[in-house]
PDB file of N, CA and C in Angstrom:
ATOM      1  N   UNK A   1     -30.316   1.420   0.281  1.00  0.00           N
ATOM      2  CA  UNK A   1     -29.776   2.488  -0.507  1.00  0.00           C
ATOM      3  C   UNK A   1     -28.324   2.208  -1.153  1.00  0.00           C
ATOM      4  N   UNK A   2     -28.137   2.608  -2.085  1.00  0.00           N
ATOM      5  CA  UNK A   2     -26.881   2.463  -2.836  1.00  0.00           C
ATOM      6  C   UNK A   2     -25.979   3.344  -2.443  1.00  0.00           C
ATOM      7  N   UNK A   3     -24.601   3.213  -2.616  1.00  0.00           N
ATOM      8  CA  UNK A   3     -23.569   4.021  -2.257  1.00  0.00           C
ATOM      9  C   UNK A   3     -23.594   5.311  -3.047  1.00  0.00           C
ATOM     10  N   UNK A   4     -24.370   5.108  -4.318  1.00  0.00           N
ATOM     11  CA  UNK A   4     -24.309   6.152  -5.414  1.00  0.00           C
ATOM     12  C   UNK A   4     -25.088   7.284  -4.777  1.00  0.00           C
ATOM     13  N   UNK A   5     -26.234   6.988  -4.197  1.00  0.00           N
ATOM     14  CA  UNK A   5     -26.974   7.888  -3.475  1.00  0.00           C
ATOM     15  C   UNK A   5     -26.212   9.268  -2.477  1.00  0.00           C
ATOM     16  N   UNK A   6     -25.148   8.563  -2.259  1.00  0.00           N
ATOM     17  CA  UNK A   6     -24.482   9.405  -1.004  1.00  0.00           C
ATOM     18  C   UNK A   6     -23.353   9.909  -1.605  1.00  0.00           C
ATOM     19  N   UNK A   7     -23.469  10.249  -2.806  1.00  0.00           N
ATOM     20  CA  UNK A   7     -22.302  10.945  -3.700  1.00  0.00           C
ATOM     21  C   UNK A   7     -22.626  12.371  -3.748  1.00  0.00           C
ATOM     22  N   UNK A   8     -21.714  13.082  -3.450  1.00  0.00           N
ATOM     23  CA  UNK A   8     -21.583  14.789  -3.724  1.00  0.00           C
ATOM     24  C   UNK A   8     -21.014  15.230  -4.812  1.00  0.00           C
ATOM     25  N   UNK A   9     -21.379  16.017  -5.752  1.00  0.00           N
ATOM     26  CA  UNK A   9     -20.818  16.579  -6.804  1.00  0.00           C
ATOM     27  C   UNK A   9     -19.960  17.555  -6.398  1.00  0.00           C
ATOM     28  N   UNK A  10     -18.648  17.405  -6.301  1.00  0.00           N
ATOM     29  CA  UNK A  10     -17.659  18.322  -5.725  1.00  0.00           C
ATOM     30  C   UNK A  10     -17.226  19.245  -6.572  1.00  0.00           C
ATOM     31  N   UNK A  11     -16.788  20.403  -6.427  1.00  0.00           N
ATOM     32  CA  UNK A  11     -16.136  21.335  -7.719  1.00  0.00           C
ATOM     33  C   UNK A  11     -14.903  21.087  -7.930  1.00  0.00           C
ATOM     34  N   UNK A  12     -14.486  21.616  -9.155  1.00  0.00           N
ATOM     35  CA  UNK A  12     -13.108  20.863  -9.299  1.00  0.00           C
ATOM     36  C   UNK A  12     -12.096  21.377  -8.551  1.00  0.00           C
ATOM     37  N   UNK A  13     -10.890  20.712  -8.351  1.00  0.00           N
ATOM     38  CA  UNK A  13      -9.790  21.307  -7.327  1.00  0.00           C
ATOM     39  C   UNK A  13      -9.281  22.689  -8.286  1.00  0.00           C
ATOM     40  N   UNK A  14      -8.890  23.531  -7.131  1.00  0.00           N
ATOM     41  CA  UNK A  14      -8.284  24.863  -7.740  1.00  0.00           C
ATOM     42  C   UNK A  14      -6.963  24.754  -8.056  1.00  0.00           C
ATOM     43  N   UNK A  15      -5.960  23.792  -7.591  1.00  0.00           N
ATOM     44  CA  UNK A  15      -4.747  23.388  -8.055  1.00  0.00           C
ATOM     45  C   UNK A  15      -4.768  22.256  -8.801  1.00  0.00           C
ATOM     46  N   UNK A  16      -4.002  21.919  -9.901  1.00  0.00           N
ATOM     47  CA  UNK A  16      -3.777  20.679 -10.128  1.00  0.00           C
ATOM     48  C   UNK A  16      -2.607  19.761  -9.222  1.00  0.00           C
ATOM     49  N   UNK A  17      -3.335  18.528  -9.232  1.00  0.00           N
ATOM     50  CA  UNK A  17      -2.586  17.676  -8.492  1.00  0.00           C
ATOM     51  C   UNK A  17      -3.424  17.600  -7.068  1.00  0.00           C
ATOM     52  N   UNK A  18      -4.504  18.532  -7.123  1.00  0.00           N
ATOM     53  CA  UNK A  18      -5.120  18.350  -5.664  1.00  0.00           C
ATOM     54  C   UNK A  18      -6.747  17.915  -5.692  1.00  0.00           C
ATOM     55  N   UNK A  19      -7.006  17.589  -4.599  1.00  0.00           N
ATOM     56  CA  UNK A  19      -8.297  16.923  -4.632  1.00  0.00           C
ATOM     57  C   UNK A  19      -9.039  17.584  -3.151  1.00  0.00           C
ATOM     58  N   UNK A  20     -10.272  17.775  -3.104  1.00  0.00           N
ATOM     59  CA  UNK A  20     -11.143  17.999  -2.091  1.00  0.00           C
ATOM     60  C   UNK A  20     -11.640  16.816  -1.307  1.00  0.00           C
ATOM     61  N   UNK A  21     -11.416  17.100  -0.125  1.00  0.00           N
ATOM     62  CA  UNK A  21     -11.860  16.131   1.148  1.00  0.00           C
ATOM     63  C   UNK A  21     -13.557  15.849   1.014  1.00  0.00           C
ATOM     64  N   UNK A  22     -13.836  14.713   0.928  1.00  0.00           N
ATOM     65  CA  UNK A  22     -15.199  14.475   0.759  1.00  0.00           C
ATOM     66  C   UNK A  22     -16.193  15.135   1.901  1.00  0.00           C
ATOM     67  N   UNK A  23     -15.523  15.150   2.987  1.00  0.00           N
ATOM     68  CA  UNK A  23     -16.305  15.639   3.968  1.00  0.00           C
ATOM     69  C   UNK A  23     -16.476  17.121   4.390  1.00  0.00           C
ATOM     70  N   UNK A  24     -15.038  17.856   4.323  1.00  0.00           N
ATOM     71  CA  UNK A  24     -15.070  19.316   4.899  1.00  0.00           C
ATOM     72  C   UNK A  24     -14.621  19.833   4.022  1.00  0.00           C
ATOM     73  N   UNK A  25     -14.353  19.413   2.532  1.00  0.00           N
ATOM     74  CA  UNK A  25     -14.089  20.028   1.054  1.00  0.00           C
ATOM     75  C   UNK A  25     -12.733  20.800   1.144  1.00  0.00           C
ATOM     76  N   UNK A  26     -11.940  20.434   2.153  1.00  0.00           N
ATOM     77  CA  UNK A  26     -10.325  21.140   2.184  1.00  0.00           C
ATOM     78  C   UNK A  26      -9.840  20.453   1.152  1.00  0.00           C
ATOM     79  N   UNK A  27      -9.013  21.167   0.331  1.00  0.00           N
ATOM     80  CA  UNK A  27      -8.365  20.872  -0.897  1.00  0.00           C
ATOM     81  C   UNK A  27      -6.872  20.430  -0.253  1.00  0.00           C
ATOM     82  N   UNK A  28      -6.479  19.361  -0.533  1.00  0.00           N
ATOM     83  CA  UNK A  28      -5.329  18.660  -0.074  1.00  0.00           C
ATOM     84  C   UNK A  28      -4.332  17.950  -1.356  1.00  0.00           C
ATOM     85  N   UNK A  29      -3.071  17.839  -1.402  1.00  0.00           N
ATOM     86  CA  UNK A  29      -2.745  17.057  -2.301  1.00  0.00           C
ATOM     87  C   UNK A  29      -2.955  15.650  -2.433  1.00  0.00           C
ATOM     88  N   UNK A  30      -3.261  15.513  -3.834  1.00  0.00           N
ATOM     89  CA  UNK A  30      -3.816  14.071  -4.064  1.00  0.00           C
ATOM     90  C   UNK A  30      -2.831  13.067  -3.649  1.00  0.00           C
ATOM     91  N   UNK A  31      -1.285  13.224  -3.636  1.00  0.00           N
ATOM     92  CA  UNK A  31      -0.186  12.407  -3.191  1.00  0.00           C
ATOM     93  C   UNK A  31      -0.513  11.971  -1.461  1.00  0.00           C
ATOM     94  N   UNK A  32      -0.939  12.676  -0.669  1.00  0.00           N
ATOM     95  CA  UNK A  32      -1.156  12.556   0.705  1.00  0.00           C
ATOM     96  C   UNK A  32      -2.735  12.311   1.188  1.00  0.00           C
ATOM     97  N   UNK A  33      -3.702  12.626   0.350  1.00  0.00           N
ATOM     98  CA  UNK A  33      -4.776  12.316   0.446  1.00  0.00           C
ATOM     99  C   UNK A  33      -5.153  10.467   0.990  1.00  0.00           C
ATOM    100  N   UNK A  34      -6.093  10.465   1.396  1.00  0.00           N
ATOM    101  CA  UNK A  34      -6.464   8.906   2.004  1.00  0.00           C
ATOM    102  C   UNK A  34      -7.515   8.988   1.021  1.00  0.00           C
ATOM    103  N   UNK A  35      -8.146   7.380   0.685  1.00  0.00           N
ATOM    104  CA  UNK A  35      -8.925   7.370  -0.164  1.00  0.00           C
ATOM    105  C   UNK A  35      -9.843   6.344   0.149  1.00  0.00           C
ATOM    106  N   UNK A  36     -11.074   5.949  -0.321  1.00  0.00           N
ATOM    107  CA  UNK A  36     -11.768   5.047  -0.311  1.00  0.00           C
ATOM    108  C   UNK A  36     -12.577   4.715  -1.840  1.00  0.00           C
ATOM    109  N   UNK A  37     -12.230   3.557  -2.144  1.00  0.00           N
ATOM    110  CA  UNK A  37     -12.939   3.533  -3.633  1.00  0.00           C
ATOM    111  C   UNK A  37     -14.153   2.498  -3.531  1.00  0.00           C
ATOM    112  N   UNK A  38     -15.152   2.983  -4.439  1.00  0.00           N
ATOM    113  CA  UNK A  38     -16.138   2.443  -4.787  1.00  0.00           C
ATOM    114  C   UNK A  38     -16.208   1.852  -6.135  1.00  0.00           C
ATOM    115  N   UNK A  39     -17.212   1.199  -6.408  1.00  0.00           N
ATOM    116  CA  UNK A  39     -17.199   0.977  -8.011  1.00  0.00           C
ATOM    117  C   UNK A  39     -17.020   1.952  -9.243  1.00  0.00           C
ATOM    118  N   UNK A  40     -17.470   3.210  -8.925  1.00  0.00           N
ATOM    119  CA  UNK A  40     -17.414   4.224 -10.088  1.00  0.00           C
ATOM    120  C   UNK A  40     -16.973   5.495  -9.799  1.00  0.00           C
ATOM    121  N   UNK A  41     -16.363   5.331  -8.538  1.00  0.00           N
ATOM    122  CA  UNK A  41     -15.829   6.666  -7.839  1.00  0.00           C
ATOM    123  C   UNK A  41     -14.942   6.340  -6.535  1.00  0.00           C
ATOM    124  N   UNK A  42     -13.762   7.652  -6.504  1.00  0.00           N
ATOM    125  CA  UNK A  42     -13.135   7.317  -5.207  1.00  0.00           C
ATOM    126  C   UNK A  42     -13.633   8.624  -4.359  1.00  0.00           C
ATOM    127  N   UNK A  43     -13.651   8.170  -3.141  1.00  0.00           N
ATOM    128  CA  UNK A  43     -14.030   9.565  -2.173  1.00  0.00           C
ATOM    129  C   UNK A  43     -12.423   9.646  -1.523  1.00  0.00           C
ATOM    130  N   UNK A  44     -12.190  11.127  -1.194  1.00  0.00           N
ATOM    131  CA  UNK A  44     -11.199  11.444  -0.698  1.00  0.00           C
ATOM    132  C   UNK A  44     -11.045  12.104   0.568  1.00  0.00           C
ATOM    133  N   UNK A  45     -10.125  12.178   1.296  1.00  0.00           N
ATOM    134  CA  UNK A  45     -10.576  12.327   2.747  1.00  0.00           C
ATOM    135  C   UNK A  45      -8.999  13.101   3.294  1.00  0.00           C
ATOM    136  N   UNK A  46      -9.077  14.383   4.029  1.00  0.00           N
ATOM    137  CA  UNK A  46      -7.982  14.986   4.530  1.00  0.00           C
ATOM    138  C   UNK A  46      -7.272  14.386   5.712  1.00  0.00           C
ATOM    139  N   UNK A  47      -8.040  13.136   6.374  1.00  0.00           N
ATOM    140  CA  UNK A  47      -7.550  12.579   7.463  1.00  0.00           C
ATOM    141  C   UNK A  47      -8.388  11.705   7.633  1.00  0.00           C
ATOM    142  N   UNK A  48      -7.836  10.967   9.082  1.00  0.00           N
ATOM    143  CA  UNK A  48      -8.431  10.050   9.674  1.00  0.00           C
ATOM    144  C   UNK A  48      -9.859  10.452  10.471  1.00  0.00           C
ATOM    145  N   UNK A  49      -9.794  11.668  10.936  1.00  0.00           N
ATOM    146  CA  UNK A  49     -11.043  12.173  11.323  1.00  0.00           C
ATOM    147  C   UNK A  49     -12.270  12.386  10.097  1.00  0.00           C
ATOM    148  N   UNK A  50     -11.879  12.940   9.598  1.00  0.00           N
ATOM    149  CA  UNK A  50     -12.861  13.015   7.974  1.00  0.00           C
ATOM    150  C   UNK A  50     -13.124  11.533   7.815  1.00  0.00           C
ATOM    151  N   UNK A  51     -12.170  10.635   7.430  1.00  0.00           N
ATOM    152  CA  UNK A  51     -12.722   9.507   6.885  1.00  0.00           C
ATOM    153  C   UNK A  51     -13.645   8.826   7.836  1.00  0.00           C
ATOM    154  N   UNK A  52     -13.326   8.891   9.219  1.00  0.00           N
ATOM    155  CA  UNK A  52     -14.417   7.820  10.348  1.00  0.00           C
ATOM    156  C   UNK A  52     -15.541   8.611  10.283  1.00  0.00           C
ATOM    157  N   UNK A  53     -15.949  10.059  10.191  1.00  0.00           N
ATOM    158  CA  UNK A  53     -17.083  10.507  10.025  1.00  0.00           C
ATOM    159  C   UNK A  53     -17.949  10.327   9.170  1.00  0.00           C
ATOM    160  N   UNK A  54     -17.247  10.077   7.929  1.00  0.00           N
ATOM    161  CA  UNK A  54     -17.994   9.525   6.434  1.00  0.00           C
ATOM    162  C   UNK A  54     -18.229   8.310   6.552  1.00  0.00           C
ATOM    163  N   UNK A  55     -17.476   7.443   7.064  1.00  0.00           N
ATOM    164  CA  UNK A  55     -17.702   6.030   7.291  1.00  0.00           C
ATOM    165  C   UNK A  55     -18.682   5.925   8.303  1.00  0.00           C
ATOM    166  N   UNK A  56     -19.022   6.437   9.249  1.00  0.00           N
ATOM    167  CA  UNK A  56     -19.877   6.164  10.392  1.00  0.00           C
ATOM    168  C   UNK A  56     -21.408   6.605   9.806  1.00  0.00           C
ATOM    169  N   UNK A  57     -21.269   7.779   9.005  1.00  0.00           N
ATOM    170  CA  UNK A  57     -22.620   8.219   8.117  1.00  0.00           C
ATOM    171  C   UNK A  57     -22.879   7.292   7.443  1.00  0.00           C
ATOM    172  N   UNK A  58     -21.858   6.769   6.241  1.00  0.00           N
ATOM    173  CA  UNK A  58     -22.141   5.872   5.460  1.00  0.00           C
ATOM    174  C   UNK A  58     -22.972   4.410   6.104  1.00  0.00           C
ATOM    175  N   UNK A  59     -22.302   3.922   7.088  1.00  0.00           N
ATOM    176  CA  UNK A  59     -22.946   2.637   7.777  1.00  0.00           C
ATOM    177  C   UNK A  59     -24.182   2.979   8.261  1.00  0.00           C
ATOM    178  N   UNK A  60     -24.671   4.226   8.888  1.00  0.00           N
ATOM    179  CA  UNK A  60     -25.930   4.358   9.655  1.00  0.00           C
ATOM    180  C   UNK A  60     -26.800   4.369   8.253  1.00  0.00           C
ATOM    181  N   UNK A  61     -26.423   5.085   7.217  1.00  0.00           N
ATOM    182  CA  UNK A  61     -27.500   5.201   6.015  1.00  0.00           C
ATOM    183  C   UNK A  61     -27.790   3.740   5.636  1.00  0.00           C
ATOM    184  N   UNK A  62     -26.886   3.132   5.411  1.00  0.00           N
ATOM    185  CA  UNK A  62     -27.028   1.527   5.032  1.00  0.00           C
ATOM    186  C   UNK A  62     -28.068   0.711   5.973  1.00  0.00           C
ATOM    187  N   UNK A  63     -27.524   0.838   7.028  1.00  0.00           N
ATOM    188  CA  UNK A  63     -28.459   0.101   8.198  1.00  0.00           C
ATOM    189  C   UNK A  63     -29.721   0.802   8.351  1.00  0.00           C
ATOM    190  N   UNK A  64     -30.052   2.136   8.232  1.00  0.00           N
ATOM    191  CA  UNK A  64     -31.231   2.530   8.418  1.00  0.00           C
ATOM    192  C   UNK A  64     -31.580   3.281   9.790  1.00  0.00           C
ATOM    193  N   UNK A  65     -30.475   3.257  10.638  1.00  0.00           N
ATOM    194  CA  UNK A  65     -30.319   3.832  11.955  1.00  0.00           C
ATOM    195  C   UNK A  65     -30.185   5.240  12.193  1.00  0.00           C
TER     196      UNK A  65
END
């Protein structure tokens, strides 16, 4: 399964310069967001917990377990 299949279309942020966490959808300033870049998009995370949750889910979907 390609990573594109895991993308979720997020609503645009309410505040300029902010992004939505890809897991919990909390809006955070882009300057403090963690990110994981892929070929055509960037995933943003509010913290290590959401990043770890996303990474584990992505790894499971890629291995089929």
